[in-house]
PDB file of N, CA and C in Angstrom:
ATOM      1  N   MET A   1      59.511  68.411 -38.009  1.00  0.00           N
ATOM      2  CA  MET A   1      59.021  67.880 -39.266  1.00  0.00           C
ATOM      3  C   MET A   1      57.772  67.054 -39.043  1.00  0.00           C
ATOM      4  N   GLN A   2      57.669  66.414 -37.909  1.00  0.00           N
ATOM      5  CA  GLN A   2      56.492  65.587 -37.648  1.00  0.00           C
ATOM      6  C   GLN A   2      55.222  66.433 -37.721  1.00  0.00           C
ATOM      7  N   HIS A   3      55.271  67.641 -37.189  1.00  0.00           N
ATOM      8  CA  HIS A   3      54.129  68.555 -37.247  1.00  0.00           C
ATOM      9  C   HIS A   3      53.715  68.814 -38.696  1.00  0.00           C
ATOM     10  N   LEU A   4      54.682  69.112 -39.548  1.00  0.00           N
ATOM     11  CA  LEU A   4      54.389  69.373 -40.954  1.00  0.00           C
ATOM     12  C   LEU A   4      53.799  68.149 -41.636  1.00  0.00           C
ATOM     13  N   ILE A   5      54.404  67.008 -41.399  1.00  0.00           N
ATOM     14  CA  ILE A   5      53.971  65.780 -42.054  1.00  0.00           C
ATOM     15  C   ILE A   5      52.568  65.394 -41.615  1.00  0.00           C
ATOM     16  N   GLU A   6      52.284  65.460 -40.331  1.00  0.00           N
ATOM     17  CA  GLU A   6      50.972  65.079 -39.826  1.00  0.00           C
ATOM     18  C   GLU A   6      49.886  65.997 -40.373  1.00  0.00           C
ATOM     19  N   ASP A   7      50.086  67.297 -40.307  1.00  0.00           N
ATOM     20  CA  ASP A   7      49.072  68.249 -40.759  1.00  0.00           C
ATOM     21  C   ASP A   7      48.866  68.201 -42.267  1.00  0.00           C
ATOM     22  N   ARG A   8      49.928  68.145 -43.027  1.00  0.00           N
ATOM     23  CA  ARG A   8      49.823  68.231 -44.476  1.00  0.00           C
ATOM     24  C   ARG A   8      49.353  66.928 -45.123  1.00  0.00           C
ATOM     25  N   ASN A   9      49.808  65.793 -44.592  1.00  0.00           N
ATOM     26  CA  ASN A   9      49.478  64.526 -45.223  1.00  0.00           C
ATOM     27  C   ASN A   9      48.028  64.097 -44.992  1.00  0.00           C
ATOM     28  N   LYS A  10      47.309  64.780 -44.128  1.00  0.00           N
ATOM     29  CA  LYS A  10      45.892  64.489 -43.941  1.00  0.00           C
ATOM     30  C   LYS A  10      45.130  64.749 -45.239  1.00  0.00           C
ATOM     31  N   VAL A  11      45.616  65.681 -46.046  1.00  0.00           N
ATOM     32  CA  VAL A  11      44.969  65.997 -47.322  1.00  0.00           C
ATOM     33  C   VAL A  11      45.845  65.565 -48.493  1.00  0.00           C
ATOM     34  N   GLU A  12      46.791  64.664 -48.229  1.00  0.00           N
ATOM     35  CA  GLU A  12      47.651  64.058 -49.240  1.00  0.00           C
ATOM     36  C   GLU A  12      48.475  65.062 -50.043  1.00  0.00           C
ATOM     37  N   ILE A  13      49.031  66.047 -49.364  1.00  0.00           N
ATOM     38  CA  ILE A  13      49.929  67.010 -49.997  1.00  0.00           C
ATOM     39  C   ILE A  13      51.360  66.567 -49.697  1.00  0.00           C
ATOM     40  N   LYS A  14      52.209  66.581 -50.709  1.00  0.00           N
ATOM     41  CA  LYS A  14      53.587  66.138 -50.562  1.00  0.00           C
ATOM     42  C   LYS A  14      54.504  67.299 -50.190  1.00  0.00           C
ATOM     43  N   ILE A  15      55.311  67.095 -49.161  1.00  0.00           N
ATOM     44  CA  ILE A  15      56.298  68.078 -48.737  1.00  0.00           C
ATOM     45  C   ILE A  15      57.631  67.707 -49.368  1.00  0.00           C
ATOM     46  N   LYS A  16      58.262  68.675 -50.036  1.00  0.00           N
ATOM     47  CA  LYS A  16      59.560  68.453 -50.663  1.00  0.00           C
ATOM     48  C   LYS A  16      60.633  69.078 -49.774  1.00  0.00           C
ATOM     49  N   LEU A  17      61.578  68.257 -49.314  1.00  0.00           N
ATOM     50  CA  LEU A  17      62.694  68.783 -48.522  1.00  0.00           C
ATOM     51  C   LEU A  17      63.718  69.372 -49.467  1.00  0.00           C
ATOM     52  N   LYS A  18      64.019  70.634 -49.300  1.00  0.00           N
ATOM     53  CA  LYS A  18      64.976  71.330 -50.156  1.00  0.00           C
ATOM     54  C   LYS A  18      66.407  71.154 -49.673  1.00  0.00           C
ATOM     55  N   SER A  19      66.614  71.205 -48.351  1.00  0.00           N
ATOM     56  CA  SER A  19      67.958  71.010 -47.809  1.00  0.00           C
ATOM     57  C   SER A  19      67.880  70.700 -46.325  1.00  0.00           C
ATOM     58  N   VAL A  20      68.917  70.013 -45.856  1.00  0.00           N
ATOM     59  CA  VAL A  20      69.096  69.738 -44.435  1.00  0.00           C
ATOM     60  C   VAL A  20      70.561  70.034 -44.138  1.00  0.00           C
ATOM     61  N   SER A  21      70.801  70.881 -43.154  1.00  0.00           N
ATOM     62  CA  SER A  21      72.176  71.219 -42.796  1.00  0.00           C
ATOM     63  C   SER A  21      72.312  71.287 -41.282  1.00  0.00           C
ATOM     64  N   ASN A  22      73.545  71.272 -40.811  1.00  0.00           N
ATOM     65  CA  ASN A  22      73.834  71.373 -39.388  1.00  0.00           C
ATOM     66  C   ASN A  22      74.783  72.547 -39.206  1.00  0.00           C
ATOM     67  N   SER A  23      74.370  73.496 -38.359  1.00  0.00           N
ATOM     68  CA  SER A  23      75.178  74.685 -38.140  1.00  0.00           C
ATOM     69  C   SER A  23      74.981  75.189 -36.717  1.00  0.00           C
ATOM     70  N   ARG A  24      76.088  75.396 -36.025  1.00  0.00           N
ATOM     71  CA  ARG A  24      76.069  76.003 -34.686  1.00  0.00           C
ATOM     72  C   ARG A  24      75.125  75.289 -33.723  1.00  0.00           C
ATOM     73  N   GLY A  25      75.164  73.960 -33.736  1.00  0.00           N
ATOM     74  CA  GLY A  25      74.394  73.190 -32.762  1.00  0.00           C
ATOM     75  C   GLY A  25      72.934  72.980 -33.113  1.00  0.00           C
ATOM     76  N   LYS A  26      72.573  73.215 -34.363  1.00  0.00           N
ATOM     77  CA  LYS A  26      71.182  72.988 -34.742  1.00  0.00           C
ATOM     78  C   LYS A  26      71.092  72.471 -36.179  1.00  0.00           C
ATOM     79  N   TYR A  27      70.053  71.663 -36.399  1.00  0.00           N
ATOM     80  CA  TYR A  27      69.731  71.234 -37.754  1.00  0.00           C
ATOM     81  C   TYR A  27      68.783  72.260 -38.348  1.00  0.00           C
ATOM     82  N   ILE A  28      68.994  72.569 -39.616  1.00  0.00           N
ATOM     83  CA  ILE A  28      68.118  73.494 -40.337  1.00  0.00           C
ATOM     84  C   ILE A  28      67.547  72.733 -41.532  1.00  0.00           C
ATOM     85  N   VAL A  29      66.234  72.595 -41.569  1.00  0.00           N
ATOM     86  CA  VAL A  29      65.556  71.866 -42.634  1.00  0.00           C
ATOM     87  C   VAL A  29      64.697  72.861 -43.419  1.00  0.00           C
ATOM     88  N   GLU A  30      64.977  72.995 -44.709  1.00  0.00           N
ATOM     89  CA  GLU A  30      64.185  73.868 -45.575  1.00  0.00           C
ATOM     90  C   GLU A  30      63.268  72.990 -46.414  1.00  0.00           C
ATOM     91  N   TRP A  31      62.005  73.398 -46.551  1.00  0.00           N
ATOM     92  CA  TRP A  31      61.006  72.596 -47.237  1.00  0.00           C
ATOM     93  C   TRP A  31      60.131  73.464 -48.117  1.00  0.00           C
ATOM     94  N   GLU A  32      59.359  72.800 -49.016  1.00  0.00           N
ATOM     95  CA  GLU A  32      58.374  73.527 -49.826  1.00  0.00           C
ATOM     96  C   GLU A  32      57.243  72.590 -50.216  1.00  0.00           C
ATOM     97  N   ILE A  33      56.114  73.197 -50.493  1.00  0.00           N
ATOM     98  CA  ILE A  33      54.948  72.494 -51.030  1.00  0.00           C
ATOM     99  C   ILE A  33      54.551  73.247 -52.293  1.00  0.00           C
ATOM    100  N   ASP A  34      54.910  72.708 -53.458  1.00  0.00           N
ATOM    101  CA  ASP A  34      54.635  73.385 -54.731  1.00  0.00           C
ATOM    102  C   ASP A  34      53.146  73.618 -54.942  1.00  0.00           C
ATOM    103  N   LYS A  35      52.332  72.631 -54.649  1.00  0.00           N
ATOM    104  CA  LYS A  35      50.900  72.700 -54.917  1.00  0.00           C
ATOM    105  C   LYS A  35      50.247  73.904 -54.236  1.00  0.00           C
ATOM    106  N   ASN A  36      50.674  74.218 -53.030  1.00  0.00           N
ATOM    107  CA  ASN A  36      50.077  75.314 -52.260  1.00  0.00           C
ATOM    108  C   ASN A  36      50.933  76.572 -52.244  1.00  0.00           C
ATOM    109  N   CYS A  37      52.071  76.549 -52.940  1.00  0.00           N
ATOM    110  CA  CYS A  37      53.003  77.678 -52.961  1.00  0.00           C
ATOM    111  C   CYS A  37      53.402  78.074 -51.538  1.00  0.00           C
ATOM    112  N   GLU A  38      53.792  77.075 -50.742  1.00  0.00           N
ATOM    113  CA  GLU A  38      54.251  77.289 -49.377  1.00  0.00           C
ATOM    114  C   GLU A  38      55.702  76.859 -49.276  1.00  0.00           C
ATOM    115  N   PHE A  39      56.457  77.540 -48.415  1.00  0.00           N
ATOM    116  CA  PHE A  39      57.823  77.139 -48.144  1.00  0.00           C
ATOM    117  C   PHE A  39      58.213  77.630 -46.759  1.00  0.00           C
ATOM    118  N   GLY A  40      59.270  77.038 -46.217  1.00  0.00           N
ATOM    119  CA  GLY A  40      59.693  77.457 -44.896  1.00  0.00           C
ATOM    120  C   GLY A  40      60.930  76.720 -44.437  1.00  0.00           C
ATOM    121  N   ALA A  41      61.228  76.906 -43.160  1.00  0.00           N
ATOM    122  CA  ALA A  41      62.392  76.280 -42.547  1.00  0.00           C
ATOM    123  C   ALA A  41      62.075  75.950 -41.102  1.00  0.00           C
ATOM    124  N   VAL A  42      62.696  74.878 -40.642  1.00  0.00           N
ATOM    125  CA  VAL A  42      62.558  74.439 -39.261  1.00  0.00           C
ATOM    126  C   VAL A  42      63.960  74.306 -38.685  1.00  0.00           C
ATOM    127  N   GLN A  43      64.151  74.821 -37.471  1.00  0.00           N
ATOM    128  CA  GLN A  43      65.437  74.690 -36.791  1.00  0.00           C
ATOM    129  C   GLN A  43      65.235  73.849 -35.532  1.00  0.00           C
ATOM    130  N   VAL A  44      66.093  72.821 -35.379  1.00  0.00           N
ATOM    131  CA  VAL A  44      65.977  71.883 -34.279  1.00  0.00           C
ATOM    132  C   VAL A  44      67.337  71.737 -33.595  1.00  0.00           C
ATOM    133  N   ASP A  45      67.355  71.734 -32.270  1.00  0.00           N
ATOM    134  CA  ASP A  45      68.591  71.524 -31.520  1.00  0.00           C
ATOM    135  C   ASP A  45      69.158  70.147 -31.864  1.00  0.00           C
ATOM    136  N   ASP A  46      70.435  70.090 -32.236  1.00  0.00           N
ATOM    137  CA  ASP A  46      71.002  68.815 -32.689  1.00  0.00           C
ATOM    138  C   ASP A  46      71.339  67.852 -31.547  1.00  0.00           C
ATOM    139  N   GLN A  47      71.214  68.278 -30.309  1.00  0.00           N
ATOM    140  CA  GLN A  47      71.455  67.389 -29.176  1.00  0.00           C
ATOM    141  C   GLN A  47      70.145  66.891 -28.555  1.00  0.00           C
ATOM    142  N   SER A  48      69.222  67.802 -28.315  1.00  0.00           N
ATOM    143  CA  SER A  48      67.981  67.441 -27.606  1.00  0.00           C
ATOM    144  C   SER A  48      66.822  67.127 -28.553  1.00  0.00           C
ATOM    145  N   GLY A  49      66.891  67.604 -29.798  1.00  0.00           N
ATOM    146  CA  GLY A  49      65.780  67.428 -30.722  1.00  0.00           C
ATOM    147  C   GLY A  49      64.665  68.443 -30.527  1.00  0.00           C
ATOM    148  N   GLU A  50      64.883  69.396 -29.630  1.00  0.00           N
ATOM    149  CA  GLU A  50      63.893  70.428 -29.330  1.00  0.00           C
ATOM    150  C   GLU A  50      63.718  71.374 -30.519  1.00  0.00           C
ATOM    151  N   LEU A  51      62.467  71.696 -30.833  1.00  0.00           N
ATOM    152  CA  LEU A  51      62.160  72.664 -31.885  1.00  0.00           C
ATOM    153  C   LEU A  51      62.580  74.046 -31.404  1.00  0.00           C
ATOM    154  N   LEU A  52      63.438  74.714 -32.187  1.00  0.00           N
ATOM    155  CA  LEU A  52      63.927  76.042 -31.811  1.00  0.00           C
ATOM    156  C   LEU A  52      63.162  77.147 -32.528  1.00  0.00           C
ATOM    157  N   GLU A  53      62.880  76.905 -33.794  1.00  0.00           N
ATOM    158  CA  GLU A  53      62.211  77.934 -34.593  1.00  0.00           C
ATOM    159  C   GLU A  53      61.570  77.282 -35.822  1.00  0.00           C
ATOM    160  N   ALA A  54      60.433  77.807 -36.220  1.00  0.00           N
ATOM    161  CA  ALA A  54      59.764  77.328 -37.432  1.00  0.00           C
ATOM    162  C   ALA A  54      59.222  78.536 -38.186  1.00  0.00           C
ATOM    163  N   GLU A  55      59.474  78.558 -39.492  1.00  0.00           N
ATOM    164  CA  GLU A  55      59.010  79.645 -40.345  1.00  0.00           C
ATOM    165  C   GLU A  55      58.204  79.048 -41.497  1.00  0.00           C
ATOM    166  N   GLU A  56      57.159  79.748 -41.900  1.00  0.00           N
ATOM    167  CA  GLU A  56      56.364  79.319 -43.052  1.00  0.00           C
ATOM    168  C   GLU A  56      55.918  80.547 -43.812  1.00  0.00           C
ATOM    169  N   THR A  57      55.987  80.478 -45.140  1.00  0.00           N
ATOM    170  CA  THR A  57      55.584  81.597 -45.984  1.00  0.00           C
ATOM    171  C   THR A  57      54.727  81.070 -47.139  1.00  0.00           C
ATOM    172  N   ASN A  58      53.720  81.828 -47.508  1.00  0.00           N
ATOM    173  CA  ASN A  58      52.885  81.502 -48.658  1.00  0.00           C
ATOM    174  C   ASN A  58      53.115  82.559 -49.738  1.00  0.00           C
ATOM    175  N   CYS A  59      53.087  82.119 -50.980  1.00  0.00           N
ATOM    176  CA  CYS A  59      53.270  83.062 -52.103  1.00  0.00           C
ATOM    177  C   CYS A  59      52.082  84.002 -52.213  1.00  0.00           C
TER     178      CYS A  59
END
């Protein structure tokens, strides 16, 4: 999430967190940016905090 926040907030765009869940040893965070029609998900290991996967899609 830090990557998203740092890059996006440079131009004052607000990221809306849609959901945060924990499943099979990882946190899954779904987000969207209405202004830019972007959305995605980030998966992070719930023990180490290591980024496992990141997805982003534009409309």
